[in-house]
Amino acid sequence: MRRLIRADIRRILKKPSVIVLFCIALLFLCFHVIGSYLRYGEDQVVPVKNLMSRMMMPELVIGLVILFGVYSDDFRSMTYACVIGRGLTRSKLVLAKLLDTVILTVLMYGIITLVLRLGLMFVGCRFTPRLSRAFYMTIFITIYKTVGYIALSSMILYITNNIPVTTISLLLLYIAVPFSALLFSLNPQVKALHVERLHYAGLADNALSDFLFGSVGMGIGKLALGLLVYLGLVLLVTVKLFDKKELEF
């Protein structure tokens, strides 16, 4: 399994499309985060505020890049079937692909974090401890949601073997989930239940608020709940249904 993960990471990072799209996402954030500090009177709050508000487009691009690199390419070429045919169990394949996703997500957002922070330091921006916490936790929560969204979309791919449907499902997660609070508020009875706080991304966003206001224990608890309930359920369903699927070699 380790050899499969290493081979996947090397293959994905050598793809020109991955490098180009990642650089576009990085430049977009640099313009809106680092550039905003100079454009708005060197206000230290502005870069963090823009990081929070401008993250959706880079997050979507990086999510699609990782989904295509880790899953879609293998399913298009049927490489995964060959790997299973050579003795790797399906559950280990599912776990290896999830680990690929985690490694690539952490790597890409780690580079983004380093570039943004060094760039802000270069132009003279100095964060307070509270702003630093908001800066780093925003990126951490983005990593958390990216892994969860891709894991959920990959479940659809394992079951249907349909790349377009999987891509649409990921797009819907990135686009529809942020507006779930607005959608649920249309019905007073549903709004009173605060359902938007209970799904995977809602728990992550609430955890971010907890961290920013000093409730570290509550934040950790909500993130752990999301991992155990939602991500754990996705993995369980994926393995169970994928084990029963007939493979075409």
C-alpha atoms as a PDB file:
ATOM      1  CA  MET A   1       0.000   0.000   0.000  1.00  0.00           C
ATOM      2  CA  ARG A   2       2.891   2.354   0.789  1.00  0.00           C
ATOM      3  CA  ARG A   3       4.327   1.827  -2.691  1.00  0.00           C
ATOM      4  CA  LEU A   4       0.947   2.625  -4.235  1.00  0.00           C
ATOM      5  CA  ILE A   5       0.695   5.869  -2.240  1.00  0.00           C
ATOM      6  CA  ARG A   6       4.232   6.940  -3.170  1.00  0.00           C
ATOM      7  CA  ALA A   7       3.621   6.141  -6.844  1.00  0.00           C
ATOM      8  CA  ASP A   8       0.330   8.071  -6.816  1.00  0.00           C
ATOM      9  CA  ILE A   9       1.867  11.154  -5.198  1.00  0.00           C
ATOM     10  CA  ARG A  10       4.794  11.222  -7.631  1.00  0.00           C
ATOM     11  CA  ARG A  11       2.494  10.729 -10.624  1.00  0.00           C
ATOM     12  CA  ILE A  12       0.093  13.481  -9.590  1.00  0.00           C
ATOM     13  CA  LEU A  13       2.768  16.035  -8.737  1.00  0.00           C
ATOM     14  CA  LYS A  14       4.395  15.544 -12.158  1.00  0.00           C
ATOM     15  CA  LYS A  15       1.200  16.454 -14.035  1.00  0.00           C
ATOM     16  CA  PRO A  16       1.491  19.915 -15.690  1.00  0.00           C
ATOM     17  CA  SER A  17      -2.238  20.550 -15.204  1.00  0.00           C
ATOM     18  CA  VAL A  18      -1.885  20.064 -11.442  1.00  0.00           C
ATOM     19  CA  ILE A  19       1.018  22.512 -11.235  1.00  0.00           C
ATOM     20  CA  VAL A  20      -0.691  25.126 -13.428  1.00  0.00           C
ATOM     21  CA  LEU A  21      -4.043  25.034 -11.627  1.00  0.00           C
ATOM     22  CA  PHE A  22      -2.396  25.072  -8.218  1.00  0.00           C
ATOM     23  CA  CYS A  23      -0.309  28.103  -9.208  1.00  0.00           C
ATOM     24  CA  ILE A  24      -3.444  29.884 -10.421  1.00  0.00           C
ATOM     25  CA  ALA A  25      -5.161  29.250  -7.079  1.00  0.00           C
ATOM     26  CA  LEU A  26      -2.053  30.412  -5.213  1.00  0.00           C
ATOM     27  CA  LEU A  27      -1.714  33.605  -7.262  1.00  0.00           C
ATOM     28  CA  PHE A  28      -5.418  34.334  -6.755  1.00  0.00           C
ATOM     29  CA  LEU A  29      -4.970  34.142  -2.983  1.00  0.00           C
ATOM     30  CA  CYS A  30      -1.752  36.150  -3.075  1.00  0.00           C
ATOM     31  CA  PHE A  31      -3.509  38.945  -4.962  1.00  0.00           C
ATOM     32  CA  HIS A  32      -6.476  39.079  -2.591  1.00  0.00           C
ATOM     33  CA  VAL A  33      -4.652  38.401   0.691  1.00  0.00           C
ATOM     34  CA  ILE A  34      -1.203  39.980   0.349  1.00  0.00           C
ATOM     35  CA  GLY A  35      -2.332  42.662  -2.090  1.00  0.00           C
ATOM     36  CA  SER A  36      -5.218  43.685   0.161  1.00  0.00           C
ATOM     37  CA  TYR A  37      -2.818  44.684   2.931  1.00  0.00           C
ATOM     38  CA  LEU A  38      -1.264  47.312   0.658  1.00  0.00           C
ATOM     39  CA  ARG A  39      -4.501  48.383  -1.035  1.00  0.00           C
ATOM     40  CA  TYR A  40      -6.450  49.069   2.162  1.00  0.00           C
ATOM     41  CA  GLY A  41      -4.051  51.177   4.196  1.00  0.00           C
ATOM     42  CA  GLU A  42      -1.974  48.358   5.677  1.00  0.00           C
ATOM     43  CA  ASP A  43      -4.791  47.197   7.950  1.00  0.00           C
ATOM     44  CA  GLN A  44      -3.805  43.877   9.567  1.00  0.00           C
ATOM     45  CA  VAL A  45      -7.404  42.665   9.753  1.00  0.00           C
ATOM     46  CA  VAL A  46      -7.991  42.899   5.992  1.00  0.00           C
ATOM     47  CA  PRO A  47      -5.697  40.009   4.868  1.00  0.00           C
ATOM     48  CA  VAL A  48      -7.339  37.544   7.264  1.00  0.00           C
ATOM     49  CA  LYS A  49     -10.816  38.779   6.331  1.00  0.00           C
ATOM     50  CA  ASN A  50     -10.017  38.350   2.626  1.00  0.00           C
ATOM     51  CA  LEU A  51      -8.559  34.888   3.232  1.00  0.00           C
ATOM     52  CA  MET A  52     -11.856  33.841   4.791  1.00  0.00           C
ATOM     53  CA  SER A  53     -14.017  35.406   2.100  1.00  0.00           C
ATOM     54  CA  ARG A  54     -11.919  34.513  -0.977  1.00  0.00           C
ATOM     55  CA  MET A  55     -11.145  30.888  -0.170  1.00  0.00           C
ATOM     56  CA  MET A  56     -14.056  29.344  -2.091  1.00  0.00           C
ATOM     57  CA  MET A  57     -12.571  29.557  -5.610  1.00  0.00           C
ATOM     58  CA  PRO A  58      -9.107  28.192  -4.728  1.00  0.00           C
ATOM     59  CA  GLU A  59     -10.730  25.545  -2.534  1.00  0.00           C
ATOM     60  CA  LEU A  60     -12.891  24.397  -5.450  1.00  0.00           C
ATOM     61  CA  VAL A  61      -9.957  24.339  -7.891  1.00  0.00           C
ATOM     62  CA  ILE A  62      -7.715  22.391  -5.521  1.00  0.00           C
ATOM     63  CA  GLY A  63     -10.543  19.979  -4.681  1.00  0.00           C
ATOM     64  CA  LEU A  64     -11.111  19.215  -8.360  1.00  0.00           C
ATOM     65  CA  VAL A  65      -7.375  18.862  -9.015  1.00  0.00           C
ATOM     66  CA  ILE A  66      -7.019  16.305  -6.219  1.00  0.00           C
ATOM     67  CA  LEU A  67     -10.191  14.441  -7.168  1.00  0.00           C
ATOM     68  CA  PHE A  68      -9.073  14.077 -10.779  1.00  0.00           C
ATOM     69  CA  GLY A  69      -5.492  13.211  -9.866  1.00  0.00           C
ATOM     70  CA  VAL A  70      -6.235  10.665  -7.158  1.00  0.00           C
ATOM     71  CA  TYR A  71      -9.438   9.077  -8.415  1.00  0.00           C
ATOM     72  CA  SER A  72     -10.630  10.023 -11.892  1.00  0.00           C
ATOM     73  CA  ASP A  73      -7.381   9.219 -13.727  1.00  0.00           C
ATOM     74  CA  ASP A  74      -7.235   5.750 -12.171  1.00  0.00           C
ATOM     75  CA  PHE A  75     -10.884   4.988 -12.886  1.00  0.00           C
ATOM     76  CA  ARG A  76     -10.590   6.249 -16.457  1.00  0.00           C
ATOM     77  CA  SER A  77      -7.574   4.045 -17.161  1.00  0.00           C
ATOM     78  CA  MET A  78      -8.831   1.146 -14.970  1.00  0.00           C
ATOM     79  CA  THR A  79      -5.514   1.134 -13.112  1.00  0.00           C
ATOM     80  CA  TYR A  80      -7.332   0.461  -9.848  1.00  0.00           C
ATOM     81  CA  ALA A  81      -8.686  -2.812 -11.245  1.00  0.00           C
ATOM     82  CA  CYS A  82      -5.166  -3.909 -12.145  1.00  0.00           C
ATOM     83  CA  VAL A  83      -3.965  -3.076  -8.630  1.00  0.00           C
ATOM     84  CA  ILE A  84      -6.766  -5.167  -7.120  1.00  0.00           C
ATOM     85  CA  GLY A  85      -5.996  -7.962  -9.575  1.00  0.00           C
ATOM     86  CA  ARG A  86      -2.424  -8.019  -8.311  1.00  0.00           C
ATOM     87  CA  GLY A  87      -3.476  -8.713  -4.742  1.00  0.00           C
ATOM     88  CA  LEU A  88      -4.297  -5.410  -3.005  1.00  0.00           C
ATOM     89  CA  THR A  89      -7.587  -5.664  -1.125  1.00  0.00           C
ATOM     90  CA  ARG A  90     -10.357  -3.228  -1.971  1.00  0.00           C
ATOM     91  CA  SER A  91     -10.462  -1.826   1.543  1.00  0.00           C
ATOM     92  CA  LYS A  92      -6.723  -1.063   1.376  1.00  0.00           C
ATOM     93  CA  LEU A  93      -7.232   0.608  -2.006  1.00  0.00           C
ATOM     94  CA  VAL A  94      -9.953   2.841  -0.545  1.00  0.00           C
ATOM     95  CA  LEU A  95      -7.704   3.697   2.427  1.00  0.00           C
ATOM     96  CA  ALA A  96      -4.675   4.347   0.183  1.00  0.00           C
ATOM     97  CA  LYS A  97      -6.649   6.754  -1.997  1.00  0.00           C
ATOM     98  CA  LEU A  98      -7.941   8.579   1.092  1.00  0.00           C
ATOM     99  CA  LEU A  99      -4.378   8.917   2.380  1.00  0.00           C
ATOM    100  CA  ASP A 100      -3.352  10.242  -1.058  1.00  0.00           C
ATOM    101  CA  THR A 101      -6.047  12.875  -0.673  1.00  0.00           C
ATOM    102  CA  VAL A 102      -4.921  13.850   2.832  1.00  0.00           C
ATOM    103  CA  ILE A 103      -1.238  14.070   1.837  1.00  0.00           C
ATOM    104  CA  LEU A 104      -1.877  16.162  -1.265  1.00  0.00           C
ATOM    105  CA  THR A 105      -4.328  18.453   0.524  1.00  0.00           C
ATOM    106  CA  VAL A 106      -1.936  19.091   3.410  1.00  0.00           C
ATOM    107  CA  LEU A 107       0.968  19.587   0.995  1.00  0.00           C
ATOM    108  CA  MET A 108      -0.852  22.093  -1.226  1.00  0.00           C
ATOM    109  CA  TYR A 109      -2.352  24.107   1.615  1.00  0.00           C
ATOM    110  CA  GLY A 110       0.946  23.938   3.468  1.00  0.00           C
ATOM    111  CA  ILE A 111       2.632  25.647   0.513  1.00  0.00           C
ATOM    112  CA  ILE A 112      -0.187  28.209   0.352  1.00  0.00           C
ATOM    113  CA  THR A 113       0.158  28.939   4.069  1.00  0.00           C
ATOM    114  CA  LEU A 114       3.932  29.371   3.816  1.00  0.00           C
ATOM    115  CA  VAL A 115       3.764  31.656   0.754  1.00  0.00           C
ATOM    116  CA  LEU A 116       0.984  33.830   2.167  1.00  0.00           C
ATOM    117  CA  ARG A 117       2.595  34.235   5.569  1.00  0.00           C
ATOM    118  CA  LEU A 118       6.057  34.979   4.165  1.00  0.00           C
ATOM    119  CA  GLY A 119       4.513  37.390   1.651  1.00  0.00           C
ATOM    120  CA  LEU A 120       2.606  39.220   4.383  1.00  0.00           C
ATOM    121  CA  MET A 121       5.736  39.435   6.512  1.00  0.00           C
ATOM    122  CA  PHE A 122       7.655  40.790   3.507  1.00  0.00           C
ATOM    123  CA  VAL A 123       5.197  43.661   3.015  1.00  0.00           C
ATOM    124  CA  GLY A 124       5.306  44.461   6.722  1.00  0.00           C
ATOM    125  CA  CYS A 125       2.144  42.828   8.042  1.00  0.00           C
ATOM    126  CA  ARG A 126       2.441  41.625  11.644  1.00  0.00           C
ATOM    127  CA  PHE A 127      -0.436  39.605  13.059  1.00  0.00           C
ATOM    128  CA  THR A 128      -1.651  39.662  16.633  1.00  0.00           C
ATOM    129  CA  PRO A 129      -2.040  36.233  18.285  1.00  0.00           C
ATOM    130  CA  ARG A 130      -5.792  36.367  17.631  1.00  0.00           C
ATOM    131  CA  LEU A 131      -5.338  37.170  13.928  1.00  0.00           C
ATOM    132  CA  SER A 132      -2.682  34.468  13.605  1.00  0.00           C
ATOM    133  CA  ARG A 133      -5.118  31.972  15.094  1.00  0.00           C
ATOM    134  CA  ALA A 134      -7.799  33.039  12.613  1.00  0.00           C
ATOM    135  CA  PHE A 135      -5.330  32.805   9.705  1.00  0.00           C
ATOM    136  CA  TYR A 136      -4.076  29.300  10.491  1.00  0.00           C
ATOM    137  CA  MET A 137      -7.414  27.876  11.595  1.00  0.00           C
ATOM    138  CA  THR A 138      -9.120  29.093   8.406  1.00  0.00           C
ATOM    139  CA  ILE A 139      -6.654  27.072   6.345  1.00  0.00           C
ATOM    140  CA  PHE A 140      -6.903  24.069   8.678  1.00  0.00           C
ATOM    141  CA  ILE A 141     -10.706  24.009   8.425  1.00  0.00           C
ATOM    142  CA  THR A 142     -10.387  24.292   4.638  1.00  0.00           C
ATOM    143  CA  ILE A 143      -8.163  21.190   4.650  1.00  0.00           C
ATOM    144  CA  TYR A 144     -10.683  19.411   6.866  1.00  0.00           C
ATOM    145  CA  LYS A 145     -13.612  20.194   4.557  1.00  0.00           C
ATOM    146  CA  THR A 146     -11.658  19.407   1.378  1.00  0.00           C
ATOM    147  CA  VAL A 147     -10.792  15.900   2.583  1.00  0.00           C
ATOM    148  CA  GLY A 148     -14.401  15.266   3.597  1.00  0.00           C
ATOM    149  CA  TYR A 149     -15.898  16.543   0.353  1.00  0.00           C
ATOM    150  CA  ILE A 150     -13.520  14.489  -1.794  1.00  0.00           C
ATOM    151  CA  ALA A 151     -14.134  11.375   0.317  1.00  0.00           C
ATOM    152  CA  LEU A 152     -17.902  11.753  -0.157  1.00  0.00           C
ATOM    153  CA  SER A 153     -17.548  12.308  -3.913  1.00  0.00           C
ATOM    154  CA  SER A 154     -15.185   9.337  -4.219  1.00  0.00           C
ATOM    155  CA  MET A 155     -17.869   7.114  -2.676  1.00  0.00           C
ATOM    156  CA  ILE A 156     -20.101   7.994  -5.611  1.00  0.00           C
ATOM    157  CA  LEU A 157     -17.274   7.179  -8.019  1.00  0.00           C
ATOM    158  CA  TYR A 158     -16.586   3.797  -6.399  1.00  0.00           C
ATOM    159  CA  ILE A 159     -20.257   2.877  -6.644  1.00  0.00           C
ATOM    160  CA  THR A 160     -21.187   4.280 -10.072  1.00  0.00           C
ATOM    161  CA  ASN A 161     -17.826   4.408 -11.875  1.00  0.00           C
ATOM    162  CA  ASN A 162     -19.193   7.618 -13.414  1.00  0.00           C
ATOM    163  CA  ILE A 163     -16.652  10.452 -13.478  1.00  0.00           C
ATOM    164  CA  PRO A 164     -19.023  13.265 -14.647  1.00  0.00           C
ATOM    165  CA  VAL A 165     -21.551  12.477 -11.888  1.00  0.00           C
ATOM    166  CA  THR A 166     -18.731  12.420  -9.332  1.00  0.00           C
ATOM    167  CA  THR A 167     -17.444  15.782 -10.549  1.00  0.00           C
ATOM    168  CA  ILE A 168     -20.919  17.301 -10.341  1.00  0.00           C
ATOM    169  CA  SER A 169     -21.341  15.948  -6.815  1.00  0.00           C
ATOM    170  CA  LEU A 170     -18.121  17.661  -5.712  1.00  0.00           C
ATOM    171  CA  LEU A 171     -19.161  20.925  -7.368  1.00  0.00           C
ATOM    172  CA  LEU A 172     -22.525  20.769  -5.610  1.00  0.00           C
ATOM    173  CA  LEU A 173     -20.851  20.234  -2.250  1.00  0.00           C
ATOM    174  CA  TYR A 174     -18.632  23.271  -2.702  1.00  0.00           C
ATOM    175  CA  ILE A 175     -21.391  25.478  -4.093  1.00  0.00           C
ATOM    176  CA  ALA A 176     -24.554  24.335  -2.273  1.00  0.00           C
ATOM    177  CA  VAL A 177     -23.255  23.664   1.246  1.00  0.00           C
ATOM    178  CA  PRO A 178     -22.179  27.292   1.955  1.00  0.00           C
ATOM    179  CA  PHE A 179     -25.742  28.383   1.138  1.00  0.00           C
ATOM    180  CA  SER A 180     -27.418  25.648   3.193  1.00  0.00           C
ATOM    181  CA  ALA A 181     -28.215  28.052   6.017  1.00  0.00           C
ATOM    182  CA  LEU A 182     -30.074  30.309   3.578  1.00  0.00           C
ATOM    183  CA  LEU A 183     -31.965  27.368   2.071  1.00  0.00           C
ATOM    184  CA  PHE A 184     -32.985  25.953   5.449  1.00  0.00           C
ATOM    185  CA  SER A 185     -34.089  29.403   6.645  1.00  0.00           C
ATOM    186  CA  LEU A 186     -36.848  29.434   4.024  1.00  0.00           C
ATOM    187  CA  ASN A 187     -38.823  27.061   6.232  1.00  0.00           C
ATOM    188  CA  PRO A 188     -39.361  28.399   9.798  1.00  0.00           C
ATOM    189  CA  GLN A 189     -39.716  24.899  11.297  1.00  0.00           C
ATOM    190  CA  VAL A 190     -36.490  23.677   9.680  1.00  0.00           C
ATOM    191  CA  LYS A 191     -34.695  26.924  10.525  1.00  0.00           C
ATOM    192  CA  ALA A 192     -35.498  26.439  14.224  1.00  0.00           C
ATOM    193  CA  LEU A 193     -33.679  23.084  14.188  1.00  0.00           C
ATOM    194  CA  HIS A 194     -30.413  24.685  12.933  1.00  0.00           C
ATOM    195  CA  VAL A 195     -29.758  21.737  10.618  1.00  0.00           C
ATOM    196  CA  GLU A 196     -26.975  23.665   8.883  1.00  0.00           C
ATOM    197  CA  ARG A 197     -24.890  23.349  12.048  1.00  0.00           C
ATOM    198  CA  LEU A 198     -25.101  19.555  12.092  1.00  0.00           C
ATOM    199  CA  HIS A 199     -23.709  18.500   8.703  1.00  0.00           C
ATOM    200  CA  TYR A 200     -19.989  17.941   8.083  1.00  0.00           C
ATOM    201  CA  ALA A 201     -19.165  21.469   6.894  1.00  0.00           C
ATOM    202  CA  GLY A 202     -21.471  23.019   9.497  1.00  0.00           C
ATOM    203  CA  LEU A 203     -19.599  21.271  12.297  1.00  0.00           C
ATOM    204  CA  ALA A 204     -16.314  22.475  10.788  1.00  0.00           C
ATOM    205  CA  ASP A 205     -17.500  26.090  10.560  1.00  0.00           C
ATOM    206  CA  ASN A 206     -18.827  25.971  14.121  1.00  0.00           C
ATOM    207  CA  ALA A 207     -15.521  24.506  15.277  1.00  0.00           C
ATOM    208  CA  LEU A 208     -13.716  27.424  13.622  1.00  0.00           C
ATOM    209  CA  SER A 209     -15.883  29.865  15.577  1.00  0.00           C
ATOM    210  CA  ASP A 210     -15.142  27.962  18.779  1.00  0.00           C
ATOM    211  CA  PHE A 211     -11.394  28.130  18.168  1.00  0.00           C
ATOM    212  CA  LEU A 212     -11.533  31.847  17.408  1.00  0.00           C
ATOM    213  CA  PHE A 213     -13.415  32.572  20.631  1.00  0.00           C
ATOM    214  CA  GLY A 214     -11.175  30.377  22.772  1.00  0.00           C
ATOM    215  CA  SER A 215     -13.426  27.310  23.159  1.00  0.00           C
ATOM    216  CA  VAL A 216     -10.720  24.897  22.026  1.00  0.00           C
ATOM    217  CA  GLY A 217     -12.279  21.832  23.631  1.00  0.00           C
ATOM    218  CA  MET A 218     -15.633  22.408  21.928  1.00  0.00           C
ATOM    219  CA  GLY A 219     -13.898  22.963  18.596  1.00  0.00           C
ATOM    220  CA  ILE A 220     -11.899  19.754  18.849  1.00  0.00           C
ATOM    221  CA  GLY A 221     -15.019  17.847  19.868  1.00  0.00           C
ATOM    222  CA  LYS A 222     -16.983  19.042  16.842  1.00  0.00           C
ATOM    223  CA  LEU A 223     -14.156  18.197  14.447  1.00  0.00           C
ATOM    224  CA  ALA A 224     -13.802  14.741  16.006  1.00  0.00           C
ATOM    225  CA  LEU A 225     -17.564  14.215  15.713  1.00  0.00           C
ATOM    226  CA  GLY A 226     -17.469  15.100  12.030  1.00  0.00           C
ATOM    227  CA  LEU A 227     -14.614  12.661  11.415  1.00  0.00           C
ATOM    228  CA  LEU A 228     -16.211   9.815  13.349  1.00  0.00           C
ATOM    229  CA  VAL A 229     -19.791  10.186  12.146  1.00  0.00           C
ATOM    230  CA  TYR A 230     -19.591  11.548   8.614  1.00  0.00           C
ATOM    231  CA  LEU A 231     -16.163  10.557   7.320  1.00  0.00           C
ATOM    232  CA  GLY A 232     -16.336   7.226   9.156  1.00  0.00           C
ATOM    233  CA  LEU A 233     -19.759   6.500   7.664  1.00  0.00           C
ATOM    234  CA  VAL A 234     -18.560   7.430   4.173  1.00  0.00           C
ATOM    235  CA  LEU A 235     -15.595   5.055   4.466  1.00  0.00           C
ATOM    236  CA  LEU A 236     -17.763   2.248   5.828  1.00  0.00           C
ATOM    237  CA  VAL A 237     -20.362   2.592   3.059  1.00  0.00           C
ATOM    238  CA  THR A 238     -17.673   2.909   0.379  1.00  0.00           C
ATOM    239  CA  VAL A 239     -15.866  -0.257   1.467  1.00  0.00           C
ATOM    240  CA  LYS A 240     -19.071  -2.283   1.880  1.00  0.00           C
ATOM    241  CA  LEU A 241     -20.563  -1.333  -1.493  1.00  0.00           C
ATOM    242  CA  PHE A 242     -17.250  -1.419  -3.384  1.00  0.00           C
ATOM    243  CA  ASP A 243     -16.557  -4.937  -2.060  1.00  0.00           C
ATOM    244  CA  LYS A 244     -19.796  -6.136  -3.657  1.00  0.00           C
ATOM    245  CA  LYS A 245     -19.198  -4.444  -7.010  1.00  0.00           C
ATOM    246  CA  GLU A 246     -18.264  -6.494 -10.047  1.00  0.00           C
ATOM    247  CA  LEU A 247     -15.073  -5.199 -11.649  1.00  0.00           C
ATOM    248  CA  GLU A 248     -14.485  -5.116 -15.373  1.00  0.00           C
ATOM    249  CA  PHE A 249     -10.922  -6.017 -16.289  1.00  0.00           C
END
